[in-house]
Amino acid sequence: MSATPSTVRATVKRDFADAGTDRKFAEGEKPELSRGEYENYRAAGLVEPITETASAPAKPKRGRTPRAAKGETNS
């Protein structure tokens, strides 16, 4: 399920339970939260935003192998 403009997906930094709603969250979980829930949990240090680099592994850059100048060797 993808987040809508009124919801936010976040990474839970540590296990906690919301006393007001009795919802429980586990460290590493990526729940979909309302904007208000997200802001409250973020302010309390319980969640952090999901970033592109955190959700997808970086692809190695593909490039050319440099060639030796004339008269030099690649050893």
PDB file of N, CA and C in Angstrom:
ATOM      1  N   MET A   1       0.856  -1.177   0.000  1.00  0.00           N
ATOM      2  CA  MET A   1       0.000   0.000   0.000  1.00  0.00           C
ATOM      3  C   MET A   1       0.897   1.234   0.000  1.00  0.00           C
ATOM      4  N   SER A   2       0.700   2.146  -0.936  1.00  0.00           N
ATOM      5  CA  SER A   2       1.536   3.341  -0.980  1.00  0.00           C
ATOM      6  C   SER A   2       0.854   4.488  -0.240  1.00  0.00           C
ATOM      7  N   ALA A   3       1.690   5.382   0.262  1.00  0.00           N
ATOM      8  CA  ALA A   3       1.191   6.514   1.034  1.00  0.00           C
ATOM      9  C   ALA A   3       0.442   7.488   0.119  1.00  0.00           C
ATOM     10  N   THR A   4      -0.602   8.079   0.637  1.00  0.00           N
ATOM     11  CA  THR A   4      -1.362   9.095  -0.085  1.00  0.00           C
ATOM     12  C   THR A   4      -0.893  10.457   0.407  1.00  0.00           C
ATOM     13  N   PRO A   5      -1.343  11.550  -0.211  1.00  0.00           N
ATOM     14  CA  PRO A   5      -0.921  12.866   0.262  1.00  0.00           C
ATOM     15  C   PRO A   5      -1.267  13.129   1.738  1.00  0.00           C
ATOM     16  N   SER A   6      -2.276  12.455   2.280  1.00  0.00           N
ATOM     17  CA  SER A   6      -2.652  12.685   3.673  1.00  0.00           C
ATOM     18  C   SER A   6      -2.007  11.684   4.635  1.00  0.00           C
ATOM     19  N   THR A   7      -1.200  10.761   4.071  1.00  0.00           N
ATOM     20  CA  THR A   7      -0.507   9.793   4.914  1.00  0.00           C
ATOM     21  C   THR A   7       0.987   9.805   4.617  1.00  0.00           C
ATOM     22  N   VAL A   8       1.747   9.257   5.551  1.00  0.00           N
ATOM     23  CA  VAL A   8       3.204   9.231   5.421  1.00  0.00           C
ATOM     24  C   VAL A   8       3.700   7.848   5.831  1.00  0.00           C
ATOM     25  N   ARG A   9       4.653   7.315   5.083  1.00  0.00           N
ATOM     26  CA  ARG A   9       5.303   6.073   5.499  1.00  0.00           C
ATOM     27  C   ARG A   9       6.592   6.470   6.211  1.00  0.00           C
ATOM     28  N   ALA A  10       6.874   5.810   7.318  1.00  0.00           N
ATOM     29  CA  ALA A  10       8.044   6.135   8.114  1.00  0.00           C
ATOM     30  C   ALA A  10       8.674   4.855   8.641  1.00  0.00           C
ATOM     31  N   THR A  11       9.927   4.946   9.050  1.00  0.00           N
ATOM     32  CA  THR A  11      10.619   3.821   9.659  1.00  0.00           C
ATOM     33  C   THR A  11      10.584   3.981  11.170  1.00  0.00           C
ATOM     34  N   VAL A  12      10.163   2.946  11.871  1.00  0.00           N
ATOM     35  CA  VAL A  12      10.095   2.975  13.337  1.00  0.00           C
ATOM     36  C   VAL A  12      11.512   2.762  13.876  1.00  0.00           C
ATOM     37  N   LYS A  13      11.975   3.675  14.743  1.00  0.00           N
ATOM     38  CA  LYS A  13      13.335   3.626  15.271  1.00  0.00           C
ATOM     39  C   LYS A  13      13.486   2.677  16.453  1.00  0.00           C
ATOM     40  N   ARG A  14      12.409   2.441  17.202  1.00  0.00           N
ATOM     41  CA  ARG A  14      12.449   1.501  18.328  1.00  0.00           C
ATOM     42  C   ARG A  14      11.035   1.050  18.632  1.00  0.00           C
ATOM     43  N   ASP A  15      10.903  -0.079  19.332  1.00  0.00           N
ATOM     44  CA  ASP A  15       9.577  -0.593  19.686  1.00  0.00           C
ATOM     45  C   ASP A  15       8.849   0.414  20.580  1.00  0.00           C
ATOM     46  N   PHE A  16       7.566   0.622  20.299  1.00  0.00           N
ATOM     47  CA  PHE A  16       6.752   1.464  21.176  1.00  0.00           C
ATOM     48  C   PHE A  16       5.282   1.174  20.950  1.00  0.00           C
ATOM     49  N   ALA A  17       4.465   1.593  21.909  1.00  0.00           N
ATOM     50  CA  ALA A  17       3.013   1.471  21.806  1.00  0.00           C
ATOM     51  C   ALA A  17       2.419   2.859  22.003  1.00  0.00           C
ATOM     52  N   ASP A  18       1.458   3.205  21.153  1.00  0.00           N
ATOM     53  CA  ASP A  18       0.751   4.475  21.278  1.00  0.00           C
ATOM     54  C   ASP A  18      -0.341   4.287  22.319  1.00  0.00           C
ATOM     55  N   ALA A  19      -0.197   4.952  23.459  1.00  0.00           N
ATOM     56  CA  ALA A  19      -1.150   4.790  24.563  1.00  0.00           C
ATOM     57  C   ALA A  19      -2.550   5.272  24.183  1.00  0.00           C
ATOM     58  N   GLY A  20      -2.650   6.248  23.289  1.00  0.00           N
ATOM     59  CA  GLY A  20      -3.953   6.786  22.907  1.00  0.00           C
ATOM     60  C   GLY A  20      -4.755   5.877  21.999  1.00  0.00           C
ATOM     61  N   THR A  21      -4.069   5.104  21.166  1.00  0.00           N
ATOM     62  CA  THR A  21      -4.765   4.248  20.204  1.00  0.00           C
ATOM     63  C   THR A  21      -4.533   2.763  20.444  1.00  0.00           C
ATOM     64  N   ASP A  22      -3.649   2.425  21.343  1.00  0.00           N
ATOM     65  CA  ASP A  22      -3.257   1.037  21.630  1.00  0.00           C
ATOM     66  C   ASP A  22      -2.580   0.359  20.435  1.00  0.00           C
ATOM     67  N   ARG A  23      -2.123   1.141  19.439  1.00  0.00           N
ATOM     68  CA  ARG A  23      -1.366   0.574  18.319  1.00  0.00           C
ATOM     69  C   ARG A  23       0.052   0.291  18.794  1.00  0.00           C
ATOM     70  N   LYS A  24       0.618  -0.827  18.349  1.00  0.00           N
ATOM     71  CA  LYS A  24       1.979  -1.195  18.707  1.00  0.00           C
ATOM     72  C   LYS A  24       2.837  -1.200  17.453  1.00  0.00           C
ATOM     73  N   PHE A  25       4.072  -0.733  17.593  1.00  0.00           N
ATOM     74  CA  PHE A  25       5.004  -0.646  16.481  1.00  0.00           C
ATOM     75  C   PHE A  25       6.308  -1.322  16.872  1.00  0.00           C
ATOM     76  N   ALA A  26       6.912  -2.030  15.927  1.00  0.00           N
ATOM     77  CA  ALA A  26       8.180  -2.723  16.159  1.00  0.00           C
ATOM     78  C   ALA A  26       9.301  -2.000  15.404  1.00  0.00           C
ATOM     79  N   GLU A  27      10.491  -2.017  15.985  1.00  0.00           N
ATOM     80  CA  GLU A  27      11.658  -1.391  15.367  1.00  0.00           C
ATOM     81  C   GLU A  27      11.848  -1.926  13.949  1.00  0.00           C
ATOM     82  N   GLY A  28      12.097  -1.007  13.007  1.00  0.00           N
ATOM     83  CA  GLY A  28      12.311  -1.386  11.609  1.00  0.00           C
ATOM     84  C   GLY A  28      11.045  -1.464  10.779  1.00  0.00           C
ATOM     85  N   GLU A  29       9.893  -1.483  11.421  1.00  0.00           N
ATOM     86  CA  GLU A  29       8.612  -1.519  10.714  1.00  0.00           C
ATOM     87  C   GLU A  29       8.445  -0.231   9.914  1.00  0.00           C
ATOM     88  N   LYS A  30       7.709  -0.291   8.814  1.00  0.00           N
ATOM     89  CA  LYS A  30       7.473   0.889   7.974  1.00  0.00           C
ATOM     90  C   LYS A  30       5.970   1.102   7.805  1.00  0.00           C
ATOM     91  N   PRO A  31       5.296   1.561   8.870  1.00  0.00           N
ATOM     92  CA  PRO A  31       3.847   1.732   8.800  1.00  0.00           C
ATOM     93  C   PRO A  31       3.435   2.975   8.014  1.00  0.00           C
ATOM     94  N   GLU A  32       2.199   2.965   7.562  1.00  0.00           N
ATOM     95  CA  GLU A  32       1.598   4.143   6.945  1.00  0.00           C
ATOM     96  C   GLU A  32       0.871   4.893   8.059  1.00  0.00           C
ATOM     97  N   LEU A  33       1.228   6.158   8.257  1.00  0.00           N
ATOM     98  CA  LEU A  33       0.692   6.956   9.356  1.00  0.00           C
ATOM     99  C   LEU A  33      -0.012   8.189   8.811  1.00  0.00           C
ATOM    100  N   SER A  34      -0.983   8.697   9.576  1.00  0.00           N
ATOM    101  CA  SER A  34      -1.576   9.981   9.189  1.00  0.00           C
ATOM    102  C   SER A  34      -0.509  11.051   9.393  1.00  0.00           C
ATOM    103  N   ARG A  35      -0.672  12.189   8.757  1.00  0.00           N
ATOM    104  CA  ARG A  35       0.308  13.278   8.925  1.00  0.00           C
ATOM    105  C   ARG A  35       0.458  13.656  10.396  1.00  0.00           C
ATOM    106  N   GLY A  36      -0.643  13.714  11.131  1.00  0.00           N
ATOM    107  CA  GLY A  36      -0.607  14.076  12.545  1.00  0.00           C
ATOM    108  C   GLY A  36       0.146  13.050  13.379  1.00  0.00           C
ATOM    109  N   GLU A  37      -0.137  11.763  13.138  1.00  0.00           N
ATOM    110  CA  GLU A  37       0.584  10.703  13.858  1.00  0.00           C
ATOM    111  C   GLU A  37       2.075  10.797  13.563  1.00  0.00           C
ATOM    112  N   TYR A  38       2.404  10.940  12.276  1.00  0.00           N
ATOM    113  CA  TYR A  38       3.809  11.018  11.882  1.00  0.00           C
ATOM    114  C   TYR A  38       4.514  12.167  12.597  1.00  0.00           C
ATOM    115  N   GLU A  39       3.925  13.354  12.577  1.00  0.00           N
ATOM    116  CA  GLU A  39       4.555  14.511  13.216  1.00  0.00           C
ATOM    117  C   GLU A  39       4.739  14.296  14.722  1.00  0.00           C
ATOM    118  N   ASN A  40       3.751  13.711  15.380  1.00  0.00           N
ATOM    119  CA  ASN A  40       3.866  13.442  16.820  1.00  0.00           C
ATOM    120  C   ASN A  40       4.974  12.430  17.101  1.00  0.00           C
ATOM    121  N   TYR A  41       4.985  11.324  16.362  1.00  0.00           N
ATOM    122  CA  TYR A  41       5.990  10.287  16.585  1.00  0.00           C
ATOM    123  C   TYR A  41       7.392  10.796  16.231  1.00  0.00           C
ATOM    124  N   ARG A  42       7.494  11.584  15.162  1.00  0.00           N
ATOM    125  CA  ARG A  42       8.795  12.145  14.766  1.00  0.00           C
ATOM    126  C   ARG A  42       9.322  13.087  15.829  1.00  0.00           C
ATOM    127  N   ALA A  43       8.443  13.945  16.359  1.00  0.00           N
ATOM    128  CA  ALA A  43       8.851  14.893  17.405  1.00  0.00           C
ATOM    129  C   ALA A  43       9.320  14.156  18.659  1.00  0.00           C
ATOM    130  N   ALA A  44       8.755  12.985  18.910  1.00  0.00           N
ATOM    131  CA  ALA A  44       9.145  12.189  20.082  1.00  0.00           C
ATOM    132  C   ALA A  44      10.370  11.323  19.793  1.00  0.00           C
ATOM    133  N   GLY A  45      10.872  11.348  18.555  1.00  0.00           N
ATOM    134  CA  GLY A  45      12.048  10.563  18.201  1.00  0.00           C
ATOM    135  C   GLY A  45      11.755   9.089  17.982  1.00  0.00           C
ATOM    136  N   LEU A  46      10.504   8.748  17.687  1.00  0.00           N
ATOM    137  CA  LEU A  46      10.114   7.348  17.530  1.00  0.00           C
ATOM    138  C   LEU A  46      10.170   6.857  16.090  1.00  0.00           C
ATOM    139  N   VAL A  47      10.040   7.773  15.133  1.00  0.00           N
ATOM    140  CA  VAL A  47      10.081   7.399  13.714  1.00  0.00           C
ATOM    141  C   VAL A  47      10.973   8.372  12.960  1.00  0.00           C
ATOM    142  N   GLU A  48      11.376   7.953  11.770  1.00  0.00           N
ATOM    143  CA  GLU A  48      12.139   8.827  10.884  1.00  0.00           C
ATOM    144  C   GLU A  48      11.609   8.640   9.467  1.00  0.00           C
ATOM    145  N   PRO A  49      11.778   9.643   8.629  1.00  0.00           N
ATOM    146  CA  PRO A  49      11.253   9.524   7.267  1.00  0.00           C
ATOM    147  C   PRO A  49      12.002   8.449   6.493  1.00  0.00           C
ATOM    148  N   ILE A  50      11.316   7.843   5.551  1.00  0.00           N
ATOM    149  CA  ILE A  50      11.950   6.879   4.661  1.00  0.00           C
ATOM    150  C   ILE A  50      12.564   7.683   3.524  1.00  0.00           C
ATOM    151  N   THR A  51      13.844   7.471   3.289  1.00  0.00           N
ATOM    152  CA  THR A  51      14.512   8.170   2.196  1.00  0.00           C
ATOM    153  C   THR A  51      14.752   7.197   1.064  1.00  0.00           C
ATOM    154  N   GLU A  52      14.946   7.717  -0.120  1.00  0.00           N
ATOM    155  CA  GLU A  52      15.189   6.863  -1.288  1.00  0.00           C
ATOM    156  C   GLU A  52      16.424   6.002  -1.078  1.00  0.00           C
ATOM    157  N   THR A  53      17.479   6.574  -0.498  1.00  0.00           N
ATOM    158  CA  THR A  53      18.706   5.800  -0.309  1.00  0.00           C
ATOM    159  C   THR A  53      18.511   4.706   0.726  1.00  0.00           C
ATOM    160  N   ALA A  54      17.618   4.920   1.681  1.00  0.00           N
ATOM    161  CA  ALA A  54      17.395   3.900   2.698  1.00  0.00           C
ATOM    162  C   ALA A  54      16.535   2.765   2.168  1.00  0.00           C
ATOM    163  N   SER A  55      15.632   3.057   1.235  1.00  0.00           N
ATOM    164  CA  SER A  55      14.719   2.023   0.766  1.00  0.00           C
ATOM    165  C   SER A  55      15.246   1.244  -0.431  1.00  0.00           C
ATOM    166  N   ALA A  56      16.196   1.800  -1.179  1.00  0.00           N
ATOM    167  CA  ALA A  56      16.724   1.108  -2.349  1.00  0.00           C
ATOM    168  C   ALA A  56      18.246   1.079  -2.273  1.00  0.00           C
ATOM    169  N   PRO A  57      18.853  -0.069  -2.465  1.00  0.00           N
ATOM    170  CA  PRO A  57      20.311  -0.127  -2.435  1.00  0.00           C
ATOM    171  C   PRO A  57      20.902   0.661  -3.596  1.00  0.00           C
ATOM    172  N   ALA A  58      22.025   1.272  -3.354  1.00  0.00           N
ATOM    173  CA  ALA A  58      22.675   2.077  -4.386  1.00  0.00           C
ATOM    174  C   ALA A  58      23.241   1.158  -5.468  1.00  0.00           C
ATOM    175  N   LYS A  59      23.088   1.580  -6.713  1.00  0.00           N
ATOM    176  CA  LYS A  59      23.635   0.804  -7.821  1.00  0.00           C
ATOM    177  C   LYS A  59      25.070   1.258  -8.057  1.00  0.00           C
ATOM    178  N   PRO A  60      25.978   0.334  -8.289  1.00  0.00           N
ATOM    179  CA  PRO A  60      27.358   0.741  -8.565  1.00  0.00           C
ATOM    180  C   PRO A  60      27.426   1.481  -9.900  1.00  0.00           C
ATOM    181  N   LYS A  61      28.292   2.482  -9.956  1.00  0.00           N
ATOM    182  CA  LYS A  61      28.452   3.232 -11.196  1.00  0.00           C
ATOM    183  C   LYS A  61      29.268   2.406 -12.168  1.00  0.00           C
ATOM    184  N   ARG A  62      28.828   2.410 -13.390  1.00  0.00           N
ATOM    185  CA  ARG A  62      29.552   1.684 -14.433  1.00  0.00           C
ATOM    186  C   ARG A  62      30.318   2.705 -15.234  1.00  0.00           C
ATOM    187  N   GLY A  63      31.580   2.478 -15.365  1.00  0.00           N
ATOM    188  CA  GLY A  63      32.389   3.414 -16.128  1.00  0.00           C
ATOM    189  C   GLY A  63      33.443   2.680 -16.924  1.00  0.00           C
ATOM    190  N   ARG A  64      34.207   3.449 -17.610  1.00  0.00           N
ATOM    191  CA  ARG A  64      35.272   2.872 -18.412  1.00  0.00           C
ATOM    192  C   ARG A  64      36.516   2.722 -17.556  1.00  0.00           C
ATOM    193  N   THR A  65      37.279   1.702 -17.869  1.00  0.00           N
ATOM    194  CA  THR A  65      38.560   1.515 -17.202  1.00  0.00           C
ATOM    195  C   THR A  65      39.565   2.394 -17.920  1.00  0.00           C
ATOM    196  N   PRO A  66      40.300   3.221 -17.174  1.00  0.00           N
ATOM    197  CA  PRO A  66      41.265   4.106 -17.843  1.00  0.00           C
ATOM    198  C   PRO A  66      42.379   3.295 -18.512  1.00  0.00           C
ATOM    199  N   ARG A  67      42.806   3.778 -19.648  1.00  0.00           N
ATOM    200  CA  ARG A  67      43.889   3.119 -20.378  1.00  0.00           C
ATOM    201  C   ARG A  67      45.206   3.806 -20.049  1.00  0.00           C
ATOM    202  N   ALA A  68      46.252   3.049 -20.149  1.00  0.00           N
ATOM    203  CA  ALA A  68      47.593   3.608 -19.926  1.00  0.00           C
ATOM    204  C   ALA A  68      47.964   4.473 -21.114  1.00  0.00           C
ATOM    205  N   ALA A  69      48.738   5.520 -20.813  1.00  0.00           N
ATOM    206  CA  ALA A  69      49.247   6.378 -21.886  1.00  0.00           C
ATOM    207  C   ALA A  69      50.258   5.581 -22.713  1.00  0.00           C
ATOM    208  N   LYS A  70      50.531   6.054 -23.910  1.00  0.00           N
ATOM    209  CA  LYS A  70      51.486   5.347 -24.761  1.00  0.00           C
ATOM    210  C   LYS A  70      52.815   5.243 -24.039  1.00  0.00           C
ATOM    211  N   GLY A  71      53.373   4.067 -24.076  1.00  0.00           N
ATOM    212  CA  GLY A  71      54.667   3.844 -23.446  1.00  0.00           C
ATOM    213  C   GLY A  71      54.556   3.395 -21.986  1.00  0.00           C
ATOM    214  N   GLU A  72      53.356   3.469 -21.357  1.00  0.00           N
ATOM    215  CA  GLU A  72      53.180   3.021 -19.973  1.00  0.00           C
ATOM    216  C   GLU A  72      52.436   1.704 -19.990  1.00  0.00           C
ATOM    217  N   THR A  73      52.527   0.987 -18.888  1.00  0.00           N
ATOM    218  CA  THR A  73      51.807  -0.270 -18.782  1.00  0.00           C
ATOM    219  C   THR A  73      50.874  -0.216 -17.585  1.00  0.00           C
ATOM    220  N   ASN A  74      49.790  -0.954 -17.608  1.00  0.00           N
ATOM    221  CA  ASN A  74      48.863  -1.068 -16.491  1.00  0.00           C
ATOM    222  C   ASN A  74      49.237  -2.307 -15.686  1.00  0.00           C
ATOM    223  N   SER A  75      50.168  -2.215 -14.803  1.00  0.00           N
ATOM    224  CA  SER A  75      50.569  -3.372 -14.011  1.00  0.00           C
ATOM    225  C   SER A  75      50.274  -3.136 -12.572  1.00  0.00           C
TER     226      SER A  75
END
